[in-house]
């Protein structure tokens, strides 16, 4: 599913104009990006999942074709962790009240 498909689906479900839905979806994605990039804050969407900033430590790697050793600098990268209830739905399991 693409962003255009999501916009079309939301517009059809809500009856809102595609232009308004597109603006809302763009603003939603920009807010998540800014939270992760600028503030280094995780974004929690209850029942769906979390967009999180993961850290990868510096490490040494090998370039096999040139037979050299290189150092890969430490860096942050975005990740997504689905909610437990979302995982249970994907597995077809019954959702418990505690989740």
Protein backbone atom coordinates (compact mmCIF):
# COMPACT_ATOMS: atom_id res chain seq x y z
CA UNK A 1 0.00 0.00 0.00
CA UNK A 2 1.36 3.41 -0.96
CA UNK A 3 0.79 6.83 0.58
CA UNK A 4 -1.64 7.60 -2.27
CA UNK A 5 -3.58 4.42 -1.45
CA UNK A 6 -3.76 5.44 2.21
CA UNK A 7 -5.03 8.91 1.27
CA UNK A 8 -7.66 7.43 -1.07
CA UNK A 9 -8.80 4.93 1.59
CA UNK A 10 -9.13 7.59 4.31
CA UNK A 11 -10.94 9.96 1.93
CA UNK A 12 -13.40 7.22 0.95
CA UNK A 13 -13.98 6.19 4.59
CA UNK A 14 -14.41 9.69 6.03
CA UNK A 15 -15.92 11.49 3.06
CA UNK A 16 -13.33 14.27 3.38
CA UNK A 17 -11.71 15.79 0.29
CA UNK A 18 -8.46 14.10 -0.80
CA UNK A 19 -6.62 17.44 -0.56
CA UNK A 20 -7.48 17.76 3.16
CA UNK A 21 -6.61 14.14 3.85
CA UNK A 22 -3.31 14.51 1.97
CA UNK A 23 -2.41 17.59 4.04
CA UNK A 24 -3.24 15.73 7.25
CA UNK A 25 -1.23 12.62 6.32
CA UNK A 26 1.77 14.77 5.29
CA UNK A 27 1.59 16.72 8.58
CA UNK A 28 1.36 13.46 10.55
CA UNK A 29 4.44 12.02 8.85
CA UNK A 30 6.38 15.28 9.21
CA UNK A 31 5.56 15.42 12.94
CA UNK A 32 6.89 11.90 13.44
CA UNK A 33 10.05 12.67 11.43
CA UNK A 34 10.74 15.86 13.37
CA UNK A 35 10.24 14.10 16.69
CA UNK A 36 12.71 11.38 15.73
CA UNK A 37 15.27 13.57 13.92
CA UNK A 38 15.35 16.84 15.84
CA UNK A 39 14.16 15.98 19.33
CA UNK A 40 15.33 12.34 19.39
CA UNK A 41 11.98 11.48 21.01
CA UNK A 42 10.11 8.24 20.46
CA UNK A 43 6.53 8.37 19.15
CA UNK A 44 4.03 6.04 20.84
CA UNK A 45 0.72 5.21 19.13
CA UNK A 46 -1.30 3.08 21.52
CA UNK A 47 -2.70 -0.06 19.87
CA UNK A 48 -0.51 0.39 16.77
CA UNK A 49 3.13 0.65 17.78
CA UNK A 50 6.08 2.91 18.47
CA UNK A 51 8.45 4.74 16.17
CA UNK A 52 11.72 4.67 18.06
CA UNK A 53 15.27 5.97 17.73
CA UNK A 54 17.76 3.11 17.92
CA UNK A 55 21.48 3.56 18.48
CA UNK A 56 24.11 1.46 16.81
CA UNK A 57 27.59 1.52 18.36
CA UNK A 58 30.80 1.98 16.40
CA UNK A 59 32.09 -1.25 14.93
CA UNK A 60 34.86 -2.66 12.79
CA UNK A 61 33.94 -4.35 9.53
CA UNK A 62 35.78 -5.96 6.64
CA UNK A 63 35.62 -5.20 2.95
CA UNK A 64 36.17 -8.71 1.63
CA UNK A 65 36.73 -7.70 -2.01
CA UNK A 66 39.59 -5.30 -1.11
CA UNK A 67 40.71 -7.26 1.98
CA UNK A 68 40.68 -4.15 4.17
CA UNK A 69 39.28 -3.28 7.57
CA UNK A 70 37.01 -0.26 7.93
CA UNK A 71 35.40 1.43 10.92
CA UNK A 72 31.69 2.16 10.81
CA UNK A 73 30.87 5.17 13.00
CA UNK A 74 28.23 5.05 15.72
CA UNK A 75 24.88 6.30 14.48
CA UNK A 76 21.16 6.52 15.23
CA UNK A 77 18.47 5.12 12.97
CA UNK A 78 14.68 4.92 13.06
CA UNK A 79 12.86 1.76 13.99
CA UNK A 80 9.30 0.57 14.45
CA UNK A 81 8.07 -1.71 17.21
CA UNK A 82 4.48 -2.95 16.80
CA UNK A 83 2.14 -2.97 19.80
CA UNK A 84 1.45 -6.31 21.49
CA UNK A 85 -2.24 -6.11 20.56
CA UNK A 86 -1.30 -5.46 16.91
CA UNK A 87 1.00 -8.50 16.89
CA UNK A 88 -1.76 -10.63 18.42
CA UNK A 89 -4.21 -9.52 15.71
CA UNK A 90 -1.67 -10.39 13.00
CA UNK A 91 -1.27 -13.86 14.51
CA UNK A 92 -5.04 -14.29 14.71
CA UNK A 93 -4.92 -14.60 18.49
CA UNK A 94 -7.57 -13.37 20.89
CA UNK A 95 -6.71 -10.02 22.48
CA UNK A 96 -6.57 -9.98 26.27
CA UNK A 97 -7.81 -7.09 28.40
CA UNK A 98 -4.37 -6.40 29.94
CA UNK A 99 -2.75 -5.40 26.60
